[in-house]
Amino acid sequence: TLARLSNELGDGIDFRISFIGRAAGQNEFQSLHGQAEIDEDIRQL
């Protein structure tokens, strides 16, 4: 939905995405949908 909105209002929006999960140090992460979600979180960031 936000991608659709960006086509109309993109130059008026300052967008930022953050992800929900837990980090135990710099190399151990937990996310509800497992490692595949952690990987995609990182790619999107």
All heavy atoms as atom14 arrays in JSON, in Angstrom:
{
  "sequence": "TLARLSNELGDGIDFRISFIGRAAGQNEFQSLHGQAEIDEDIRQL",
  "atom14_mask": [
    [1, 1, 1, 1, 1, 1, 1, 0, 0, 0, 0, 0, 0, 0],
    [1, 1, 1, 1, 1, 1, 1, 1, 0, 0, 0, 0, 0, 0],
    [1, 1, 1, 1, 1, 0, 0, 0, 0, 0, 0, 0, 0, 0],
    [1, 1, 1, 1, 1, 1, 1, 1, 1, 1, 1, 0, 0, 0],
    [1, 1, 1, 1, 1, 1, 1, 1, 0, 0, 0, 0, 0, 0],
    [1, 1, 1, 1, 1, 1, 0, 0, 0, 0, 0, 0, 0, 0],
    [1, 1, 1, 1, 1, 1, 1, 1, 0, 0, 0, 0, 0, 0],
    [1, 1, 1, 1, 1, 1, 1, 1, 1, 0, 0, 0, 0, 0],
    [1, 1, 1, 1, 1, 1, 1, 1, 0, 0, 0, 0, 0, 0],
    [1, 1, 1, 1, 0, 0, 0, 0, 0, 0, 0, 0, 0, 0],
    [1, 1, 1, 1, 1, 1, 1, 1, 0, 0, 0, 0, 0, 0],
    [1, 1, 1, 1, 0, 0, 0, 0, 0, 0, 0, 0, 0, 0],
    [1, 1, 1, 1, 1, 1, 1, 1, 0, 0, 0, 0, 0, 0],
    [1, 1, 1, 1, 1, 1, 1, 1, 0, 0, 0, 0, 0, 0],
    [1, 1, 1, 1, 1, 1, 1, 1, 1, 1, 1, 0, 0, 0],
    [1, 1, 1, 1, 1, 1, 1, 1, 1, 1, 1, 0, 0, 0],
    [1, 1, 1, 1, 1, 1, 1, 1, 0, 0, 0, 0, 0, 0],
    [1, 1, 1, 1, 1, 1, 0, 0, 0, 0, 0, 0, 0, 0],
    [1, 1, 1, 1, 1, 1, 1, 1, 1, 1, 1, 0, 0, 0],
    [1, 1, 1, 1, 1, 1, 1, 1, 0, 0, 0, 0, 0, 0],
    [1, 1, 1, 1, 0, 0, 0, 0, 0, 0, 0, 0, 0, 0],
    [1, 1, 1, 1, 1, 1, 1, 1, 1, 1, 1, 0, 0, 0],
    [1, 1, 1, 1, 1, 0, 0, 0, 0, 0, 0, 0, 0, 0],
    [1, 1, 1, 1, 1, 0, 0, 0, 0, 0, 0, 0, 0, 0],
    [1, 1, 1, 1, 0, 0, 0, 0, 0, 0, 0, 0, 0, 0],
    [1, 1, 1, 1, 1, 1, 1, 1, 1, 0, 0, 0, 0, 0],
    [1, 1, 1, 1, 1, 1, 1, 1, 0, 0, 0, 0, 0, 0],
    [1, 1, 1, 1, 1, 1, 1, 1, 1, 0, 0, 0, 0, 0],
    [1, 1, 1, 1, 1, 1, 1, 1, 1, 1, 1, 0, 0, 0],
    [1, 1, 1, 1, 1, 1, 1, 1, 1, 0, 0, 0, 0, 0],
    [1, 1, 1, 1, 1, 1, 0, 0, 0, 0, 0, 0, 0, 0],
    [1, 1, 1, 1, 1, 1, 1, 1, 0, 0, 0, 0, 0, 0],
    [1, 1, 1, 1, 1, 1, 1, 1, 1, 1, 0, 0, 0, 0],
    [1, 1, 1, 1, 0, 0, 0, 0, 0, 0, 0, 0, 0, 0],
    [1, 1, 1, 1, 1, 1, 1, 1, 1, 0, 0, 0, 0, 0],
    [1, 1, 1, 1, 1, 0, 0, 0, 0, 0, 0, 0, 0, 0],
    [1, 1, 1, 1, 1, 1, 1, 1, 1, 0, 0, 0, 0, 0],
    [1, 1, 1, 1, 1, 1, 1, 1, 0, 0, 0, 0, 0, 0],
    [1, 1, 1, 1, 1, 1, 1, 1, 0, 0, 0, 0, 0, 0],
    [1, 1, 1, 1, 1, 1, 1, 1, 1, 0, 0, 0, 0, 0],
    [1, 1, 1, 1, 1, 1, 1, 1, 0, 0, 0, 0, 0, 0],
    [1, 1, 1, 1, 1, 1, 1, 1, 0, 0, 0, 0, 0, 0],
    [1, 1, 1, 1, 1, 1, 1, 1, 1, 1, 1, 0, 0, 0],
    [1, 1, 1, 1, 1, 1, 1, 1, 1, 0, 0, 0, 0, 0],
    [1, 1, 1, 1, 1, 1, 1, 1, 0, 0, 0, 0, 0, 0]
  ],
  "atom14_positions": [
    [[0.83, -1.2, 0.0], [0.0, 0.0, 0.0], [0.87, 1.25, 0.0], [0.61, 2.21, -0.74], [-0.92, 0.01, 1.23], [-1.78, -1.13, 1.19], [-1.78, 1.28, 1.25], [0.0, 0.0, 0.0], [0.0, 0.0, 0.0], [0.0, 0.0, 0.0], [0.0, 0.0, 0.0], [0.0, 0.0, 0.0], [0.0, 0.0, 0.0], [0.0, 0.0, 0.0]],
    [[1.91, 1.24, 0.82], [2.81, 2.39, 0.88], [3.56, 2.57, -0.44], [3.86, 3.7, -0.84], [3.8, 2.23, 2.03], [3.17, 2.24, 3.43], [4.23, 1.99, 4.5], [2.45, 3.56, 3.7], [0.0, 0.0, 0.0], [0.0, 0.0, 0.0], [0.0, 0.0, 0.0], [0.0, 0.0, 0.0], [0.0, 0.0, 0.0], [0.0, 0.0, 0.0]],
    [[3.86, 1.46, -1.11], [4.52, 1.55, -2.42], [3.6, 2.26, -3.42], [4.05, 3.08, -4.23], [4.89, 0.16, -2.92], [0.0, 0.0, 0.0], [0.0, 0.0, 0.0], [0.0, 0.0, 0.0], [0.0, 0.0, 0.0], [0.0, 0.0, 0.0], [0.0, 0.0, 0.0], [0.0, 0.0, 0.0], [0.0, 0.0, 0.0], [0.0, 0.0, 0.0]],
    [[2.3, 1.94, -3.38], [1.34, 2.63, -4.25], [1.29, 4.12, -3.92], [1.27, 4.97, -4.81], [-0.06, 2.03, -4.08], [-0.29, 0.7, -4.78], [-1.74, 0.28, -4.59], [-2.66, 1.26, -5.16], [-3.96, 1.33, -4.83], [-4.45, 0.52, -3.92], [-4.73, 2.24, -5.41], [0.0, 0.0, 0.0], [0.0, 0.0, 0.0], [0.0, 0.0, 0.0]],
    [[1.27, 4.42, -2.63], [1.22, 5.82, -2.21], [2.46, 6.59, -2.63], [2.39, 7.78, -2.93], [1.06, 5.9, -0.69], [-0.36, 5.65, -0.15], [-0.34, 5.5, 1.36], [-1.28, 6.79, -0.56], [0.0, 0.0, 0.0], [0.0, 0.0, 0.0], [0.0, 0.0, 0.0], [0.0, 0.0, 0.0], [0.0, 0.0, 0.0], [0.0, 0.0, 0.0]],
    [[3.59, 5.9, -2.66], [4.84, 6.57, -3.04], [4.79, 7.07, -4.48], [5.47, 8.04, -4.82], [6.03, 5.63, -2.86], [6.06, 4.63, -3.86], [0.0, 0.0, 0.0], [0.0, 0.0, 0.0], [0.0, 0.0, 0.0], [0.0, 0.0, 0.0], [0.0, 0.0, 0.0], [0.0, 0.0, 0.0], [0.0, 0.0, 0.0], [0.0, 0.0, 0.0]],
    [[3.98, 6.42, -5.32], [3.85, 6.87, -6.71], [3.17, 8.23, -6.79], [3.4, 8.99, -7.73], [3.04, 5.84, -7.52], [3.8, 4.55, -7.71], [5.03, 4.54, -7.78], [3.08, 3.44, -7.79], [0.0, 0.0, 0.0], [0.0, 0.0, 0.0], [0.0, 0.0, 0.0], [0.0, 0.0, 0.0], [0.0, 0.0, 0.0], [0.0, 0.0, 0.0]],
    [[2.32, 8.54, -5.81], [1.6, 9.81, -5.81], [2.22, 10.84, -4.87], [2.25, 12.03, -5.18], [0.15, 9.58, -5.39], [-0.68, 8.84, -6.41], [-2.16, 8.9, -6.07], [-2.65, 10.0, -5.75], [-2.82, 7.86, -6.13], [0.0, 0.0, 0.0], [0.0, 0.0, 0.0], [0.0, 0.0, 0.0], [0.0, 0.0, 0.0], [0.0, 0.0, 0.0]],
    [[2.7, 10.37, -3.73], [3.15, 11.3, -2.7], [4.63, 11.16, -2.37], [5.1, 11.74, -1.39], [2.33, 11.08, -1.41], [0.81, 11.14, -1.55], [0.15, 10.78, -0.22], [0.37, 12.53, -2.0], [0.0, 0.0, 0.0], [0.0, 0.0, 0.0], [0.0, 0.0, 0.0], [0.0, 0.0, 0.0], [0.0, 0.0, 0.0], [0.0, 0.0, 0.0]],
    [[5.35, 10.39, -3.17], [6.74, 10.05, -2.84], [7.63, 11.24, -2.53], [8.46, 11.18, -1.61], [0.0, 0.0, 0.0], [0.0, 0.0, 0.0], [0.0, 0.0, 0.0], [0.0, 0.0, 0.0], [0.0, 0.0, 0.0], [0.0, 0.0, 0.0], [0.0, 0.0, 0.0], [0.0, 0.0, 0.0], [0.0, 0.0, 0.0], [0.0, 0.0, 0.0]],
    [[7.47, 12.33, -3.28], [8.34, 13.49, -3.05], [7.92, 14.29, -1.82], [8.58, 15.27, -1.45], [8.38, 14.4, -4.28], [7.0, 14.9, -4.69], [6.01, 14.43, -4.12], [6.93, 15.76, -5.59], [0.0, 0.0, 0.0], [0.0, 0.0, 0.0], [0.0, 0.0, 0.0], [0.0, 0.0, 0.0], [0.0, 0.0, 0.0], [0.0, 0.0, 0.0]],
    [[6.83, 13.87, -1.17], [6.4, 14.55, 0.04], [6.52, 13.68, 1.29], [6.06, 14.06, 2.36], [0.0, 0.0, 0.0], [0.0, 0.0, 0.0], [0.0, 0.0, 0.0], [0.0, 0.0, 0.0], [0.0, 0.0, 0.0], [0.0, 0.0, 0.0], [0.0, 0.0, 0.0], [0.0, 0.0, 0.0], [0.0, 0.0, 0.0], [0.0, 0.0, 0.0]],
    [[7.15, 12.51, 1.14], [7.25, 11.55, 2.24], [8.7, 11.27, 2.58], [9.52, 11.0, 1.7], [6.54, 10.23, 1.89], [5.04, 10.46, 1.69], [6.77, 9.19, 2.98], [4.3, 9.22, 1.22], [0.0, 0.0, 0.0], [0.0, 0.0, 0.0], [0.0, 0.0, 0.0], [0.0, 0.0, 0.0], [0.0, 0.0, 0.0], [0.0, 0.0, 0.0]],
    [[9.01, 11.31, 3.85], [10.3, 10.87, 4.35], [10.07, 9.52, 5.02], [9.61, 9.44, 6.15], [10.85, 11.89, 5.36], [12.25, 11.54, 5.84], [12.85, 10.6, 5.27], [12.75, 12.19, 6.77], [0.0, 0.0, 0.0], [0.0, 0.0, 0.0], [0.0, 0.0, 0.0], [0.0, 0.0, 0.0], [0.0, 0.0, 0.0], [0.0, 0.0, 0.0]],
    [[10.38, 8.45, 4.28], [10.01, 7.09, 4.71], [11.19, 6.35, 5.32], [12.32, 6.46, 4.85], [9.49, 6.28, 3.52], [9.18, 4.85, 3.84], [8.06, 4.51, 4.59], [10.02, 3.84, 3.4], [7.78, 3.19, 4.89], [9.75, 2.5, 3.7], [8.63, 2.18, 4.45], [0.0, 0.0, 0.0], [0.0, 0.0, 0.0], [0.0, 0.0, 0.0]],
    [[10.89, 5.59, 6.37], [11.9, 4.73, 6.98], [11.23, 3.48, 7.52], [10.18, 3.54, 8.15], [12.64, 5.45, 8.11], [13.71, 4.58, 8.8], [14.75, 5.43, 9.45], [15.55, 6.14, 8.45], [16.62, 5.62, 7.83], [17.01, 4.4, 8.11], [17.28, 6.34, 6.95], [0.0, 0.0, 0.0], [0.0, 0.0, 0.0], [0.0, 0.0, 0.0]],
    [[11.88, 2.35, 7.27], [11.37, 1.07, 7.76], [12.33, 0.52, 8.81], [13.56, 0.63, 8.67], [11.19, 0.05, 6.61], [10.51, -1.21, 7.12], [12.5, -0.26, 5.92], [10.07, -2.14, 6.0], [0.0, 0.0, 0.0], [0.0, 0.0, 0.0], [0.0, 0.0, 0.0], [0.0, 0.0, 0.0], [0.0, 0.0, 0.0], [0.0, 0.0, 0.0]],
    [[11.77, -0.01, 9.88], [12.53, -0.7, 10.92], [11.87, -2.04, 11.17], [10.66, -2.2, 10.94], [12.59, 0.13, 12.21], [13.26, 1.35, 12.01], [0.0, 0.0, 0.0], [0.0, 0.0, 0.0], [0.0, 0.0, 0.0], [0.0, 0.0, 0.0], [0.0, 0.0, 0.0], [0.0, 0.0, 0.0], [0.0, 0.0, 0.0], [0.0, 0.0, 0.0]],
    [[12.65, -2.98, 11.68], [12.11, -4.33, 11.84], [12.0, -4.72, 13.31], [12.72, -4.22, 14.17], [12.96, -5.33, 11.06], [12.83, -5.13, 9.57], [13.84, -4.53, 8.85], [11.67, -5.52, 8.92], [13.7, -4.32, 7.48], [11.52, -5.31, 7.56], [12.54, -4.71, 6.83], [0.0, 0.0, 0.0], [0.0, 0.0, 0.0], [0.0, 0.0, 0.0]],
    [[11.09, -5.65, 13.56], [10.79, -6.1, 14.9], [11.45, -7.45, 15.15], [11.23, -8.41, 14.4], [9.27, -6.21, 15.09], [8.62, -4.83, 14.88], [8.93, -6.77, 16.47], [7.1, -4.88, 14.82], [0.0, 0.0, 0.0], [0.0, 0.0, 0.0], [0.0, 0.0, 0.0], [0.0, 0.0, 0.0], [0.0, 0.0, 0.0], [0.0, 0.0, 0.0]],
    [[12.27, -7.51, 16.19], [12.95, -8.75, 16.53], [13.87, -8.53, 17.71], [13.82, -7.47, 18.35], [0.0, 0.0, 0.0], [0.0, 0.0, 0.0], [0.0, 0.0, 0.0], [0.0, 0.0, 0.0], [0.0, 0.0, 0.0], [0.0, 0.0, 0.0], [0.0, 0.0, 0.0], [0.0, 0.0, 0.0], [0.0, 0.0, 0.0], [0.0, 0.0, 0.0]],
    [[14.71, -9.49, 17.98], [15.64, -9.39, 19.11], [17.06, -9.69, 18.64], [17.27, -10.56, 17.8], [15.26, -10.37, 20.22], [13.95, -10.03, 20.92], [13.67, -11.02, 22.04], [12.44, -10.68, 22.75], [12.39, -9.83, 23.77], [13.5, -9.24, 24.19], [11.24, -9.57, 24.38], [0.0, 0.0, 0.0], [0.0, 0.0, 0.0], [0.0, 0.0, 0.0]],
    [[17.99, -8.95, 19.2], [19.41, -9.18, 18.89], [20.14, -9.54, 20.18], [20.0, -8.86, 21.19], [20.02, -7.93, 18.27], [0.0, 0.0, 0.0], [0.0, 0.0, 0.0], [0.0, 0.0, 0.0], [0.0, 0.0, 0.0], [0.0, 0.0, 0.0], [0.0, 0.0, 0.0], [0.0, 0.0, 0.0], [0.0, 0.0, 0.0], [0.0, 0.0, 0.0]],
    [[20.9, -10.63, 20.12], [21.76, -11.02, 21.24], [23.19, -10.81, 20.78], [23.82, -11.68, 20.21], [21.51, -12.47, 21.64], [0.0, 0.0, 0.0], [0.0, 0.0, 0.0], [0.0, 0.0, 0.0], [0.0, 0.0, 0.0], [0.0, 0.0, 0.0], [0.0, 0.0, 0.0], [0.0, 0.0, 0.0], [0.0, 0.0, 0.0], [0.0, 0.0, 0.0]],
    [[23.69, -9.58, 20.96], [25.0, -9.25, 20.43], [24.89, -8.82, 18.98], [23.82, -8.4, 18.5], [0.0, 0.0, 0.0], [0.0, 0.0, 0.0], [0.0, 0.0, 0.0], [0.0, 0.0, 0.0], [0.0, 0.0, 0.0], [0.0, 0.0, 0.0], [0.0, 0.0, 0.0], [0.0, 0.0, 0.0], [0.0, 0.0, 0.0], [0.0, 0.0, 0.0]],
    [[26.0, -8.95, 18.25], [26.05, -8.5, 16.86], [25.81, -9.61, 15.85], [25.71, -9.34, 14.65], [27.42, -7.87, 16.58], [27.7, -6.6, 17.39], [26.84, -5.43, 16.94], [26.58, -5.25, 15.76], [26.39, -4.63, 17.9], [0.0, 0.0, 0.0], [0.0, 0.0, 0.0], [0.0, 0.0, 0.0], [0.0, 0.0, 0.0], [0.0, 0.0, 0.0]],
    [[25.69, -10.84, 16.31], [25.61, -11.95, 15.35], [24.47, -12.93, 15.62], [24.27, -13.85, 14.84], [26.93, -12.73, 15.34], [28.1, -11.9, 14.84], [28.07, -11.4, 13.72], [29.11, -11.73, 15.67], [0.0, 0.0, 0.0], [0.0, 0.0, 0.0], [0.0, 0.0, 0.0], [0.0, 0.0, 0.0], [0.0, 0.0, 0.0], [0.0, 0.0, 0.0]],
    [[23.74, -12.76, 16.69], [22.64, -13.66, 17.0], [21.33, -12.88, 17.0], [21.17, -11.93, 17.75], [22.86, -14.34, 18.36], [24.08, -15.26, 18.4], [24.21, -15.94, 19.74], [23.2, -16.04, 20.47], [25.32, -16.39, 20.06], [0.0, 0.0, 0.0], [0.0, 0.0, 0.0], [0.0, 0.0, 0.0], [0.0, 0.0, 0.0], [0.0, 0.0, 0.0]],
    [[20.41, -13.33, 16.15], [19.15, -12.61, 15.99], [17.97, -13.57, 16.11], [18.08, -14.74, 15.76], [19.11, -11.91, 14.63], [20.3, -11.05, 14.35], [21.3, -11.46, 13.48], [20.45, -9.83, 14.99], [22.4, -10.68, 13.22], [21.55, -9.02, 14.74], [22.53, -9.45, 13.86], [0.0, 0.0, 0.0], [0.0, 0.0, 0.0], [0.0, 0.0, 0.0]],
    [[16.87, -13.03, 16.58], [15.63, -13.8, 16.66], [14.5, -13.0, 16.01], [14.36, -11.79, 16.24], [15.27, -14.08, 18.13], [16.26, -14.99, 18.84], [15.87, -15.2, 20.3], [14.97, -14.56, 20.81], [16.57, -16.11, 20.96], [0.0, 0.0, 0.0], [0.0, 0.0, 0.0], [0.0, 0.0, 0.0], [0.0, 0.0, 0.0], [0.0, 0.0, 0.0]],
    [[13.72, -13.69, 15.19], [12.58, -13.07, 14.55], [11.48, -14.12, 14.44], [11.76, -15.32, 14.34], [12.95, -12.56, 13.16], [11.93, -11.73, 12.63], [0.0, 0.0, 0.0], [0.0, 0.0, 0.0], [0.0, 0.0, 0.0], [0.0, 0.0, 0.0], [0.0, 0.0, 0.0], [0.0, 0.0, 0.0], [0.0, 0.0, 0.0], [0.0, 0.0, 0.0]],
    [[10.23, -13.68, 14.49], [9.1, -14.59, 14.57], [9.08, -15.63, 13.45], [8.72, -16.79, 13.67], [7.79, -13.79, 14.55], [6.5, -14.59, 14.72], [6.47, -15.28, 16.08], [5.28, -13.67, 14.56], [0.0, 0.0, 0.0], [0.0, 0.0, 0.0], [0.0, 0.0, 0.0], [0.0, 0.0, 0.0], [0.0, 0.0, 0.0], [0.0, 0.0, 0.0]],
    [[9.47, -15.24, 12.26], [9.4, -16.14, 11.1], [10.75, -16.75, 10.74], [10.94, -17.21, 9.61], [8.79, -15.41, 9.91], [7.42, -14.87, 10.17], [7.21, -13.58, 10.63], [6.19, -15.44, 10.07], [5.9, -13.38, 10.78], [5.27, -14.48, 10.45], [0.0, 0.0, 0.0], [0.0, 0.0, 0.0], [0.0, 0.0, 0.0], [0.0, 0.0, 0.0]],
    [[11.68, -16.75, 11.67], [12.91, -17.49, 11.5], [14.01, -16.8, 10.71], [13.96, -15.59, 10.45], [0.0, 0.0, 0.0], [0.0, 0.0, 0.0], [0.0, 0.0, 0.0], [0.0, 0.0, 0.0], [0.0, 0.0, 0.0], [0.0, 0.0, 0.0], [0.0, 0.0, 0.0], [0.0, 0.0, 0.0], [0.0, 0.0, 0.0], [0.0, 0.0, 0.0]],
    [[14.99, -17.61, 10.31], [16.18, -17.08, 9.65], [15.86, -16.43, 8.3], [16.49, -15.43, 7.93], [17.2, -18.21, 9.44], [18.54, -17.76, 8.89], [19.24, -16.78, 9.82], [19.29, -17.0, 11.02], [19.8, -15.71, 9.27], [0.0, 0.0, 0.0], [0.0, 0.0, 0.0], [0.0, 0.0, 0.0], [0.0, 0.0, 0.0], [0.0, 0.0, 0.0]],
    [[14.91, -16.97, 7.58], [14.55, -16.39, 6.28], [14.09, -14.95, 6.45], [14.39, -14.09, 5.61], [13.46, -17.23, 5.6], [0.0, 0.0, 0.0], [0.0, 0.0, 0.0], [0.0, 0.0, 0.0], [0.0, 0.0, 0.0], [0.0, 0.0, 0.0], [0.0, 0.0, 0.0], [0.0, 0.0, 0.0], [0.0, 0.0, 0.0], [0.0, 0.0, 0.0]],
    [[13.37, -14.69, 7.53], [12.91, -13.32, 7.79], [14.07, -12.41, 8.19], [14.15, -11.26, 7.75], [11.86, -13.32, 8.89], [11.26, -11.94, 9.15], [10.0, -12.04, 9.99], [10.11, -12.37, 11.19], [8.92, -11.79, 9.41], [0.0, 0.0, 0.0], [0.0, 0.0, 0.0], [0.0, 0.0, 0.0], [0.0, 0.0, 0.0], [0.0, 0.0, 0.0]],
    [[14.97, -12.93, 9.0], [16.15, -12.15, 9.38], [16.94, -11.75, 8.14], [17.37, -10.6, 8.0], [17.03, -12.95, 10.35], [16.3, -13.12, 11.69], [18.39, -12.29, 10.55], [16.96, -14.1, 12.63], [0.0, 0.0, 0.0], [0.0, 0.0, 0.0], [0.0, 0.0, 0.0], [0.0, 0.0, 0.0], [0.0, 0.0, 0.0], [0.0, 0.0, 0.0]],
    [[17.11, -12.69, 7.24], [17.87, -12.41, 6.01], [17.19, -11.33, 5.17], [17.86, -10.42, 4.67], [18.01, -13.69, 5.18], [18.94, -14.71, 5.83], [19.68, -14.34, 6.75], [18.9, -15.89, 5.41], [0.0, 0.0, 0.0], [0.0, 0.0, 0.0], [0.0, 0.0, 0.0], [0.0, 0.0, 0.0], [0.0, 0.0, 0.0], [0.0, 0.0, 0.0]],
    [[15.87, -11.42, 5.04], [15.17, -10.43, 4.22], [15.13, -9.08, 4.91], [15.2, -8.04, 4.26], [13.76, -10.9, 3.88], [12.98, -9.97, 2.97], [13.7, -9.65, 1.66], [14.55, -10.45, 1.21], [13.41, -8.58, 1.09], [0.0, 0.0, 0.0], [0.0, 0.0, 0.0], [0.0, 0.0, 0.0], [0.0, 0.0, 0.0], [0.0, 0.0, 0.0]],
    [[15.04, -9.09, 6.26], [15.16, -7.83, 7.0], [16.46, -7.12, 6.62], [16.46, -5.91, 6.32], [15.18, -8.09, 8.51], [13.84, -8.51, 9.08], [12.83, -8.49, 8.33], [13.8, -8.87, 10.27], [0.0, 0.0, 0.0], [0.0, 0.0, 0.0], [0.0, 0.0, 0.0], [0.0, 0.0, 0.0], [0.0, 0.0, 0.0], [0.0, 0.0, 0.0]],
    [[17.54, -7.86, 6.64], [18.86, -7.27, 6.36], [18.91, -6.76, 4.93], [19.4, -5.65, 4.67], [19.98, -8.29, 6.61], [20.04, -8.65, 8.11], [21.33, -7.74, 6.16], [21.04, -9.74, 8.45], [0.0, 0.0, 0.0], [0.0, 0.0, 0.0], [0.0, 0.0, 0.0], [0.0, 0.0, 0.0], [0.0, 0.0, 0.0], [0.0, 0.0, 0.0]],
    [[18.4, -7.53, 3.98], [18.45, -7.09, 2.59], [17.67, -5.8, 2.4], [18.13, -4.87, 1.71], [17.91, -8.2, 1.67], [18.9, -9.33, 1.43], [18.4, -10.27, 0.33], [17.25, -11.05, 0.77], [17.33, -12.26, 1.3], [18.52, -12.84, 1.49], [16.24, -12.93, 1.64], [0.0, 0.0, 0.0], [0.0, 0.0, 0.0], [0.0, 0.0, 0.0]],
    [[16.49, -5.71, 3.0], [15.7, -4.5, 2.84], [16.37, -3.3, 3.5], [16.32, -2.18, 2.98], [14.29, -4.71, 3.42], [13.46, -5.69, 2.6], [12.03, -5.81, 3.08], [11.5, -4.94, 3.78], [11.35, -6.89, 2.68], [0.0, 0.0, 0.0], [0.0, 0.0, 0.0], [0.0, 0.0, 0.0], [0.0, 0.0, 0.0], [0.0, 0.0, 0.0]],
    [[17.03, -3.52, 4.62], [17.77, -2.43, 5.27], [18.96, -1.99, 4.42], [19.27, -0.8, 4.36], [18.24, -2.88, 6.65], [17.13, -3.05, 7.71], [17.68, -3.74, 8.95], [16.51, -1.71, 8.07], [0.0, 0.0, 0.0], [0.0, 0.0, 0.0], [0.0, 0.0, 0.0], [0.0, 0.0, 0.0], [0.0, 0.0, 0.0], [0.0, 0.0, 0.0]]
  ]
}
